[in-house]
Amino acid sequence: TDVITEVVSAFELKVVGPNPFNPTTKLNVVGEEAGFVSVKIYNLAGQVVATLADGWMDVNSNGHTFNWDAGLLSSGVYLVRAESAGKVSTQKLMLLK
């Protein structure tokens, strides 16, 4: 008999700082394989308001931590989207001033 093994790599975006936050928070991206990673923050109109990562990342069992300072933005809800190798993870953030 043939045994087919499928390996599913985990890709996850976690909010590790405060949420709601004012004006900074921390995000962590964890992936099981090296590759191109994009981490962007969007407002509810779909506009990119910040790019935290846009390039190659090596594997790190603890993930990669990013600090986001939204001090120049207005209070409201923002969406953070992390993408790597066709996998996408999103989180909702709330900035309260």
Protein backbone atom coordinates (compact mmCIF):
# COMPACT_ATOMS: atom_id res chain seq x y z
CA THR A 1 0.00 0.00 0.00
CA ASP A 2 1.06 3.56 -0.66
CA VAL A 3 0.99 6.02 2.21
CA ILE A 4 0.49 9.65 1.33
CA THR A 5 1.65 12.11 3.95
CA GLU A 6 0.63 15.72 3.69
CA VAL A 7 2.56 18.24 5.74
CA VAL A 8 0.60 21.35 6.60
CA SER A 9 2.73 24.29 7.56
CA ALA A 10 1.34 26.66 10.13
CA PHE A 11 1.23 30.35 9.37
CA GLU A 12 -0.24 32.59 12.00
CA LEU A 13 -0.48 36.25 12.87
CA LYS A 14 -0.86 37.01 16.57
CA VAL A 15 -1.48 40.26 18.41
CA VAL A 16 0.94 40.13 21.35
CA GLY A 17 0.63 43.76 22.41
CA PRO A 18 -2.41 45.51 23.78
CA ASN A 19 -5.61 45.55 21.74
CA PRO A 20 -7.27 48.07 21.96
CA PHE A 21 -4.05 50.08 21.97
CA ASN A 22 -2.78 53.66 22.15
CA PRO A 23 -0.62 54.36 20.17
CA THR A 24 1.60 51.25 19.84
CA THR A 25 1.07 47.50 19.75
CA LYS A 26 3.08 44.39 18.88
CA LEU A 27 2.33 41.73 16.31
CA ASN A 28 4.00 38.35 15.85
CA VAL A 29 4.13 36.34 12.63
CA VAL A 30 4.92 32.63 12.96
CA GLY A 31 5.65 30.40 9.98
CA GLU A 32 7.21 26.96 9.66
CA GLU A 33 9.07 27.72 6.44
CA ALA A 34 11.28 30.51 5.15
CA GLY A 35 9.88 32.69 2.41
CA PHE A 36 8.54 36.02 1.29
CA VAL A 37 6.32 37.60 3.94
CA SER A 38 4.10 40.66 3.64
CA VAL A 39 2.54 42.31 6.72
CA LYS A 40 0.35 45.33 6.01
CA ILE A 41 -2.13 47.41 8.00
CA TYR A 42 -5.35 48.58 6.31
CA ASN A 43 -8.02 51.06 7.33
CA LEU A 44 -11.68 50.12 6.84
CA ALA A 45 -11.69 51.85 3.44
CA GLY A 46 -9.16 49.26 2.27
CA GLN A 47 -6.22 51.67 2.07
CA VAL A 48 -2.77 50.54 3.22
CA VAL A 49 -1.77 52.76 6.15
CA ALA A 50 1.42 50.91 7.14
CA THR A 51 3.73 48.20 5.83
CA LEU A 52 5.53 46.32 8.60
CA ALA A 53 7.22 43.69 6.43
CA ASP A 54 7.61 43.10 2.72
CA GLY A 55 10.46 40.70 2.06
CA TRP A 56 12.22 37.45 2.83
CA MET A 57 12.07 35.98 6.34
CA ASP A 58 13.94 33.01 7.72
CA VAL A 59 12.29 30.39 9.90
CA ASN A 60 12.14 31.33 13.57
CA SER A 61 10.36 29.07 16.06
CA ASN A 62 9.38 32.14 18.12
CA GLY A 63 8.16 34.03 15.07
CA HIS A 64 9.03 37.56 14.05
CA THR A 65 7.76 40.43 16.20
CA PHE A 66 6.79 43.80 14.73
CA ASN A 67 6.02 47.02 16.58
CA TRP A 68 3.35 49.22 15.07
CA ASP A 69 3.23 52.89 16.06
CA ALA A 70 -0.08 54.37 14.94
CA GLY A 71 0.50 57.69 16.68
CA LEU A 72 -0.21 59.71 13.52
CA LEU A 73 -3.48 57.92 12.71
CA SER A 74 -6.97 58.58 13.99
CA SER A 75 -8.86 56.35 16.40
CA GLY A 76 -10.69 53.47 14.80
CA VAL A 77 -10.58 49.88 13.63
CA TYR A 78 -7.69 48.66 11.48
CA LEU A 79 -7.02 45.30 9.88
CA VAL A 80 -3.59 43.69 9.78
CA ARG A 81 -2.98 41.14 7.03
CA ALA A 82 0.00 38.80 6.90
CA GLU A 83 0.66 36.73 3.78
CA SER A 84 3.28 34.11 2.94
CA ALA A 85 3.39 31.31 0.37
CA GLY A 86 -0.30 31.66 -0.44
CA LYS A 87 -1.34 31.58 3.22
CA VAL A 88 -3.11 34.56 4.74
CA SER A 89 -3.83 35.47 8.35
CA THR A 90 -5.72 38.58 9.48
CA GLN A 91 -6.47 40.27 12.78
CA LYS A 92 -8.57 43.25 13.80
CA LEU A 93 -6.94 46.05 15.82
CA MET A 94 -8.60 48.98 17.57
CA LEU A 95 -6.74 52.25 18.10
CA LEU A 96 -8.19 54.33 20.95
CA LYS A 97 -6.82 57.80 21.62
